[in-house]
């Protein structure tokens, strides 16, 4: 394999999956039912670990997307930087688009190019974010170990399908961190942190006798 050098933020997924969609590889999931309708098999070993971290990123991003006021979805820290809503859609863009490298059909109507700026309404962005994670996790669960060992070309970088899913996992957490910063800059505390703070506060307020 050639050394792994991927441009920032998945080179933005547009260019890398576009070539794949124009010249699709032999599919191990072409024509599959929509992700949400596929009943995933019980994951084993590292698969369970990866799915757990995928779900962690999904849960936290969805909590932030819900907590951010719709009026803040167009907020961006500087000109030329993705807005709040565009970050969520960028994550969805990768989750829907990169499995196409492995022959996984994206949902009907999905257009990779410009997807991260294709929606403005909060409810639409939230649905796209949720559906994209379900799509990506379903594709990963459905792939066999033999499938995951197959080599794909990601903008000149040779890697296994397994590597692509690991990349999607780290990509989601990269933009989770960005979204947390965006929320804090707009006075929104991440909901899970708020719950933890409330729990600690209540624990400290309990009478000493209740703590024994």
C-alpha atoms as a PDB file:
ATOM      1  CA  UNK A   1       0.000   0.000   0.000  1.00  0.00           C
ATOM      2  CA  UNK A   2       1.134   3.559  -0.632  1.00  0.00           C
ATOM      3  CA  UNK A   3       1.601   5.876   2.357  1.00  0.00           C
ATOM      4  CA  UNK A   4      -1.663   7.286   3.599  1.00  0.00           C
ATOM      5  CA  UNK A   5      -1.954  11.005   2.861  1.00  0.00           C
ATOM      6  CA  UNK A   6      -5.536  12.130   2.775  1.00  0.00           C
ATOM      7  CA  UNK A   7      -6.330  15.822   2.262  1.00  0.00           C
ATOM      8  CA  UNK A   8      -7.962  17.558   5.199  1.00  0.00           C
ATOM      9  CA  UNK A   9     -11.491  16.585   6.175  1.00  0.00           C
ATOM     10  CA  UNK A  10     -11.630  13.668   3.741  1.00  0.00           C
ATOM     11  CA  UNK A  11     -10.524  15.920   0.871  1.00  0.00           C
ATOM     12  CA  UNK A  12     -13.803  16.787   1.292  1.00  0.00           C
ATOM     13  CA  UNK A  13     -15.606  13.660   0.381  1.00  0.00           C
ATOM     14  CA  UNK A  14     -16.959  15.162  -2.857  1.00  0.00           C
ATOM     15  CA  UNK A  15     -13.927  14.502  -5.075  1.00  0.00           C
ATOM     16  CA  UNK A  16     -13.019  11.160  -3.576  1.00  0.00           C
ATOM     17  CA  UNK A  17     -16.361   9.451  -3.899  1.00  0.00           C
ATOM     18  CA  UNK A  18     -17.270  11.116  -7.186  1.00  0.00           C
ATOM     19  CA  UNK A  19     -14.661   9.114  -9.080  1.00  0.00           C
ATOM     20  CA  UNK A  20     -15.969   5.958  -7.469  1.00  0.00           C
ATOM     21  CA  UNK A  21     -19.551   6.726  -8.415  1.00  0.00           C
ATOM     22  CA  UNK A  22     -18.553   7.404 -12.019  1.00  0.00           C
ATOM     23  CA  UNK A  23     -16.692   4.062 -12.151  1.00  0.00           C
ATOM     24  CA  UNK A  24     -18.434   1.914  -9.539  1.00  0.00           C
ATOM     25  CA  UNK A  25     -16.599  -1.170  -8.259  1.00  0.00           C
ATOM     26  CA  UNK A  26     -18.132  -4.607  -8.121  1.00  0.00           C
ATOM     27  CA  UNK A  27     -20.697  -4.321  -5.379  1.00  0.00           C
ATOM     28  CA  UNK A  28     -21.210  -6.497  -2.359  1.00  0.00           C
ATOM     29  CA  UNK A  29     -24.241  -4.419  -1.341  1.00  0.00           C
ATOM     30  CA  UNK A  30     -25.684  -3.017  -4.556  1.00  0.00           C
ATOM     31  CA  UNK A  31     -29.434  -2.770  -4.513  1.00  0.00           C
ATOM     32  CA  UNK A  32     -29.583  -3.336  -0.770  1.00  0.00           C
ATOM     33  CA  UNK A  33     -32.643  -2.203   1.128  1.00  0.00           C
ATOM     34  CA  UNK A  34     -32.432   1.237   2.764  1.00  0.00           C
ATOM     35  CA  UNK A  35     -30.142   1.174   5.787  1.00  0.00           C
ATOM     36  CA  UNK A  36     -32.893   1.678   8.346  1.00  0.00           C
ATOM     37  CA  UNK A  37     -34.714  -1.465   7.184  1.00  0.00           C
ATOM     38  CA  UNK A  38     -31.718  -3.790   7.482  1.00  0.00           C
ATOM     39  CA  UNK A  39     -31.604  -5.753  10.717  1.00  0.00           C
ATOM     40  CA  UNK A  40     -27.909  -5.759  11.719  1.00  0.00           C
ATOM     41  CA  UNK A  41     -26.294  -8.988  12.868  1.00  0.00           C
ATOM     42  CA  UNK A  42     -24.736  -9.131  16.307  1.00  0.00           C
ATOM     43  CA  UNK A  43     -21.263  -7.565  15.893  1.00  0.00           C
ATOM     44  CA  UNK A  44     -18.195  -9.453  17.045  1.00  0.00           C
ATOM     45  CA  UNK A  45     -14.808  -8.359  18.360  1.00  0.00           C
ATOM     46  CA  UNK A  46     -13.537  -5.064  16.899  1.00  0.00           C
ATOM     47  CA  UNK A  47     -16.763  -4.568  14.912  1.00  0.00           C
ATOM     48  CA  UNK A  48     -18.688  -4.084  18.128  1.00  0.00           C
ATOM     49  CA  UNK A  49     -16.093  -1.599  19.336  1.00  0.00           C
ATOM     50  CA  UNK A  50     -16.255   0.391  16.102  1.00  0.00           C
ATOM     51  CA  UNK A  51     -20.048   0.398  16.054  1.00  0.00           C
ATOM     52  CA  UNK A  52     -20.101   1.572  19.667  1.00  0.00           C
ATOM     53  CA  UNK A  53     -17.882   4.559  18.813  1.00  0.00           C
ATOM     54  CA  UNK A  54     -19.857   5.286  15.650  1.00  0.00           C
ATOM     55  CA  UNK A  55     -22.996   5.355  17.767  1.00  0.00           C
ATOM     56  CA  UNK A  56     -21.284   7.573  20.338  1.00  0.00           C
ATOM     57  CA  UNK A  57     -20.476  10.171  17.675  1.00  0.00           C
ATOM     58  CA  UNK A  58     -23.985   9.867  16.258  1.00  0.00           C
ATOM     59  CA  UNK A  59     -25.678  10.320  19.619  1.00  0.00           C
ATOM     60  CA  UNK A  60     -23.643  13.372  20.577  1.00  0.00           C
ATOM     61  CA  UNK A  61     -23.914  15.039  17.177  1.00  0.00           C
ATOM     62  CA  UNK A  62     -27.672  14.473  17.193  1.00  0.00           C
ATOM     63  CA  UNK A  63     -27.942  15.920  20.708  1.00  0.00           C
ATOM     64  CA  UNK A  64     -26.019  19.006  19.606  1.00  0.00           C
ATOM     65  CA  UNK A  65     -28.100  19.339  16.437  1.00  0.00           C
ATOM     66  CA  UNK A  66     -31.234  19.279  18.594  1.00  0.00           C
ATOM     67  CA  UNK A  67     -29.864  21.733  21.174  1.00  0.00           C
ATOM     68  CA  UNK A  68     -28.674  24.339  18.678  1.00  0.00           C
ATOM     69  CA  UNK A  69     -31.421  26.886  17.874  1.00  0.00           C
ATOM     70  CA  UNK A  70     -32.468  26.890  14.237  1.00  0.00           C
ATOM     71  CA  UNK A  71     -31.391  30.506  13.963  1.00  0.00           C
ATOM     72  CA  UNK A  72     -27.818  29.439  14.746  1.00  0.00           C
ATOM     73  CA  UNK A  73     -27.627  26.849  11.947  1.00  0.00           C
ATOM     74  CA  UNK A  74     -26.321  29.531   9.584  1.00  0.00           C
ATOM     75  CA  UNK A  75     -23.731  30.794  12.106  1.00  0.00           C
ATOM     76  CA  UNK A  76     -20.078  30.393  11.160  1.00  0.00           C
ATOM     77  CA  UNK A  77     -16.986  31.561  13.076  1.00  0.00           C
ATOM     78  CA  UNK A  78     -15.473  33.268  10.025  1.00  0.00           C
ATOM     79  CA  UNK A  79     -16.054  33.824   6.340  1.00  0.00           C
ATOM     80  CA  UNK A  80     -15.290  30.757   4.246  1.00  0.00           C
ATOM     81  CA  UNK A  81     -15.708  28.357   7.172  1.00  0.00           C
ATOM     82  CA  UNK A  82     -18.565  25.838   7.361  1.00  0.00           C
ATOM     83  CA  UNK A  83     -21.619  26.954   9.283  1.00  0.00           C
ATOM     84  CA  UNK A  84     -23.205  24.937  12.092  1.00  0.00           C
ATOM     85  CA  UNK A  85     -25.656  23.276   9.738  1.00  0.00           C
ATOM     86  CA  UNK A  86     -23.025  22.707   7.054  1.00  0.00           C
ATOM     87  CA  UNK A  87     -20.824  20.791   9.479  1.00  0.00           C
ATOM     88  CA  UNK A  88     -23.679  18.404  10.273  1.00  0.00           C
ATOM     89  CA  UNK A  89     -24.389  17.983   6.556  1.00  0.00           C
ATOM     90  CA  UNK A  90     -20.698  17.465   5.808  1.00  0.00           C
ATOM     91  CA  UNK A  91     -20.668  14.525   8.223  1.00  0.00           C
ATOM     92  CA  UNK A  92     -23.808  13.171   6.542  1.00  0.00           C
ATOM     93  CA  UNK A  93     -22.218  13.728   3.124  1.00  0.00           C
ATOM     94  CA  UNK A  94     -19.293  11.462   4.056  1.00  0.00           C
ATOM     95  CA  UNK A  95     -21.496   8.843   5.730  1.00  0.00           C
ATOM     96  CA  UNK A  96     -23.701   8.583   2.641  1.00  0.00           C
ATOM     97  CA  UNK A  97     -20.965   9.059   0.048  1.00  0.00           C
ATOM     98  CA  UNK A  98     -17.894   7.070   1.064  1.00  0.00           C
ATOM     99  CA  UNK A  99     -19.642   3.678   1.316  1.00  0.00           C
ATOM    100  CA  UNK A 100     -20.155   4.172  -2.426  1.00  0.00           C
ATOM    101  CA  UNK A 101     -16.447   3.294  -2.781  1.00  0.00           C
ATOM    102  CA  UNK A 102     -17.453  -0.190  -1.649  1.00  0.00           C
ATOM    103  CA  UNK A 103     -20.456  -0.398  -3.957  1.00  0.00           C
ATOM    104  CA  UNK A 104     -23.050   0.492  -1.327  1.00  0.00           C
ATOM    105  CA  UNK A 105     -25.917   2.332  -2.983  1.00  0.00           C
ATOM    106  CA  UNK A 106     -26.741   5.701  -1.417  1.00  0.00           C
ATOM    107  CA  UNK A 107     -30.401   6.566  -0.727  1.00  0.00           C
ATOM    108  CA  UNK A 108     -32.492   7.686  -3.678  1.00  0.00           C
ATOM    109  CA  UNK A 109     -32.073  11.376  -4.408  1.00  0.00           C
ATOM    110  CA  UNK A 110     -28.680  11.711  -2.693  1.00  0.00           C
ATOM    111  CA  UNK A 111     -26.327  14.013  -4.598  1.00  0.00           C
ATOM    112  CA  UNK A 112     -22.768  14.061  -3.292  1.00  0.00           C
ATOM    113  CA  UNK A 113     -21.654  17.328  -4.852  1.00  0.00           C
ATOM    114  CA  UNK A 114     -22.947  20.273  -2.865  1.00  0.00           C
ATOM    115  CA  UNK A 115     -24.755  18.111  -0.328  1.00  0.00           C
ATOM    116  CA  UNK A 116     -23.261  20.008   2.613  1.00  0.00           C
ATOM    117  CA  UNK A 117     -25.037  23.188   1.503  1.00  0.00           C
ATOM    118  CA  UNK A 118     -28.225  21.603   0.171  1.00  0.00           C
ATOM    119  CA  UNK A 119     -30.467  22.101   3.229  1.00  0.00           C
ATOM    120  CA  UNK A 120     -31.253  25.001   5.542  1.00  0.00           C
ATOM    121  CA  UNK A 121     -34.110  23.834   7.783  1.00  0.00           C
ATOM    122  CA  UNK A 122     -33.096  22.371  11.115  1.00  0.00           C
ATOM    123  CA  UNK A 123     -35.490  19.409  10.859  1.00  0.00           C
ATOM    124  CA  UNK A 124     -34.169  18.468   7.413  1.00  0.00           C
ATOM    125  CA  UNK A 125     -30.556  18.629   8.576  1.00  0.00           C
ATOM    126  CA  UNK A 126     -31.332  16.555  11.671  1.00  0.00           C
ATOM    127  CA  UNK A 127     -33.014  13.857   9.592  1.00  0.00           C
ATOM    128  CA  UNK A 128     -30.143  13.764   7.102  1.00  0.00           C
ATOM    129  CA  UNK A 129     -27.603  13.433   9.918  1.00  0.00           C
ATOM    130  CA  UNK A 130     -29.522  10.590  11.580  1.00  0.00           C
ATOM    131  CA  UNK A 131     -30.223   8.709   8.352  1.00  0.00           C
ATOM    132  CA  UNK A 132     -26.593   8.971   7.247  1.00  0.00           C
ATOM    133  CA  UNK A 133     -25.294   7.277  10.384  1.00  0.00           C
ATOM    134  CA  UNK A 134     -27.861   4.507  10.050  1.00  0.00           C
ATOM    135  CA  UNK A 135     -26.815   4.056   6.416  1.00  0.00           C
ATOM    136  CA  UNK A 136     -23.109   3.935   7.245  1.00  0.00           C
ATOM    137  CA  UNK A 137     -23.491   1.588  10.220  1.00  0.00           C
ATOM    138  CA  UNK A 138     -25.753  -0.739   8.253  1.00  0.00           C
ATOM    139  CA  UNK A 139     -23.249  -0.887   5.384  1.00  0.00           C
ATOM    140  CA  UNK A 140     -20.401  -1.662   7.792  1.00  0.00           C
ATOM    141  CA  UNK A 141     -22.420  -4.363   9.572  1.00  0.00           C
ATOM    142  CA  UNK A 142     -23.463  -5.985   6.293  1.00  0.00           C
ATOM    143  CA  UNK A 143     -19.898  -6.209   4.939  1.00  0.00           C
ATOM    144  CA  UNK A 144     -18.139  -9.553   5.387  1.00  0.00           C
ATOM    145  CA  UNK A 145     -14.540  -9.808   6.589  1.00  0.00           C
ATOM    146  CA  UNK A 146     -13.574 -10.724   3.034  1.00  0.00           C
ATOM    147  CA  UNK A 147     -15.267  -7.533   1.822  1.00  0.00           C
ATOM    148  CA  UNK A 148     -13.453  -5.451   4.425  1.00  0.00           C
ATOM    149  CA  UNK A 149     -10.119  -6.904   3.294  1.00  0.00           C
ATOM    150  CA  UNK A 150     -10.673  -5.690  -0.276  1.00  0.00           C
ATOM    151  CA  UNK A 151      -8.550  -2.812  -1.483  1.00  0.00           C
ATOM    152  CA  UNK A 152     -10.073   0.449  -2.733  1.00  0.00           C
ATOM    153  CA  UNK A 153      -8.530   3.613  -4.146  1.00  0.00           C
ATOM    154  CA  UNK A 154      -9.276   6.785  -2.218  1.00  0.00           C
ATOM    155  CA  UNK A 155      -7.920   9.684  -4.294  1.00  0.00           C
ATOM    156  CA  UNK A 156      -4.727   7.779  -5.049  1.00  0.00           C
ATOM    157  CA  UNK A 157      -4.467   6.205  -1.598  1.00  0.00           C
ATOM    158  CA  UNK A 158      -4.714   2.417  -1.568  1.00  0.00           C
ATOM    159  CA  UNK A 159      -6.467   1.116   1.529  1.00  0.00           C
ATOM    160  CA  UNK A 160      -8.818  -1.621   2.656  1.00  0.00           C
ATOM    161  CA  UNK A 161     -12.550  -1.131   2.964  1.00  0.00           C
ATOM    162  CA  UNK A 162     -12.030  -1.579   6.712  1.00  0.00           C
ATOM    163  CA  UNK A 163      -9.699   1.415   6.659  1.00  0.00           C
ATOM    164  CA  UNK A 164     -12.388   3.538   4.972  1.00  0.00           C
ATOM    165  CA  UNK A 165     -14.854   2.756   7.768  1.00  0.00           C
ATOM    166  CA  UNK A 166     -12.210   3.599  10.359  1.00  0.00           C
ATOM    167  CA  UNK A 167     -11.700   6.872   8.512  1.00  0.00           C
ATOM    168  CA  UNK A 168     -15.441   7.570   8.666  1.00  0.00           C
ATOM    169  CA  UNK A 169     -15.363   6.899  12.401  1.00  0.00           C
ATOM    170  CA  UNK A 170     -12.535   9.344  13.042  1.00  0.00           C
ATOM    171  CA  UNK A 171     -14.114  11.859  10.658  1.00  0.00           C
ATOM    172  CA  UNK A 172     -17.338  11.863  12.677  1.00  0.00           C
ATOM    173  CA  UNK A 173     -15.439  12.473  15.919  1.00  0.00           C
ATOM    174  CA  UNK A 174     -13.306  15.188  14.312  1.00  0.00           C
ATOM    175  CA  UNK A 175     -16.426  17.141  13.434  1.00  0.00           C
ATOM    176  CA  UNK A 176     -18.048  16.306  16.768  1.00  0.00           C
ATOM    177  CA  UNK A 177     -15.215  18.264  18.387  1.00  0.00           C
ATOM    178  CA  UNK A 178     -15.774  21.121  15.948  1.00  0.00           C
ATOM    179  CA  UNK A 179     -19.507  21.100  16.686  1.00  0.00           C
ATOM    180  CA  UNK A 180     -18.904  21.180  20.440  1.00  0.00           C
ATOM    181  CA  UNK A 181     -16.742  24.288  19.952  1.00  0.00           C
ATOM    182  CA  UNK A 182     -19.438  25.877  17.777  1.00  0.00           C
ATOM    183  CA  UNK A 183     -22.060  25.162  20.437  1.00  0.00           C
ATOM    184  CA  UNK A 184     -19.927  26.621  23.254  1.00  0.00           C
ATOM    185  CA  UNK A 185     -19.225  29.746  21.208  1.00  0.00           C
ATOM    186  CA  UNK A 186     -22.982  30.236  20.918  1.00  0.00           C
ATOM    187  CA  UNK A 187     -23.703  29.698  24.600  1.00  0.00           C
ATOM    188  CA  UNK A 188     -24.987  26.130  24.211  1.00  0.00           C
ATOM    189  CA  UNK A 189     -23.666  23.554  26.665  1.00  0.00           C
ATOM    190  CA  UNK A 190     -23.472  20.036  25.211  1.00  0.00           C
ATOM    191  CA  UNK A 191     -26.567  18.253  26.603  1.00  0.00           C
ATOM    192  CA  UNK A 192     -24.623  15.264  27.941  1.00  0.00           C
ATOM    193  CA  UNK A 193     -22.266  17.592  29.839  1.00  0.00           C
ATOM    194  CA  UNK A 194     -25.226  19.520  31.223  1.00  0.00           C
ATOM    195  CA  UNK A 195     -26.746  16.274  32.534  1.00  0.00           C
ATOM    196  CA  UNK A 196     -23.450  15.231  34.124  1.00  0.00           C
ATOM    197  CA  UNK A 197     -23.097  18.636  35.800  1.00  0.00           C
ATOM    198  CA  UNK A 198     -26.644  18.432  37.144  1.00  0.00           C
ATOM    199  CA  UNK A 199     -26.028  14.926  38.501  1.00  0.00           C
ATOM    200  CA  UNK A 200     -22.845  16.039  40.290  1.00  0.00           C
ATOM    201  CA  UNK A 201     -24.622  19.069  41.718  1.00  0.00           C
ATOM    202  CA  UNK A 202     -27.468  16.932  43.095  1.00  0.00           C
ATOM    203  CA  UNK A 203     -24.986  14.460  44.576  1.00  0.00           C
ATOM    204  CA  UNK A 204     -23.185  17.260  46.400  1.00  0.00           C
ATOM    205  CA  UNK A 205     -26.471  18.634  47.738  1.00  0.00           C
ATOM    206  CA  UNK A 206     -27.489  15.352  49.394  1.00  0.00           C
ATOM    207  CA  UNK A 207     -27.294  15.282  53.211  1.00  0.00           C
ATOM    208  CA  UNK A 208     -24.244  13.574  54.542  1.00  0.00           C
ATOM    209  CA  UNK A 209     -26.420  10.787  55.972  1.00  0.00           C
ATOM    210  CA  UNK A 210     -27.694   9.904  52.470  1.00  0.00           C
ATOM    211  CA  UNK A 211     -24.166   9.607  51.149  1.00  0.00           C
ATOM    212  CA  UNK A 212     -23.294   6.838  53.616  1.00  0.00           C
END
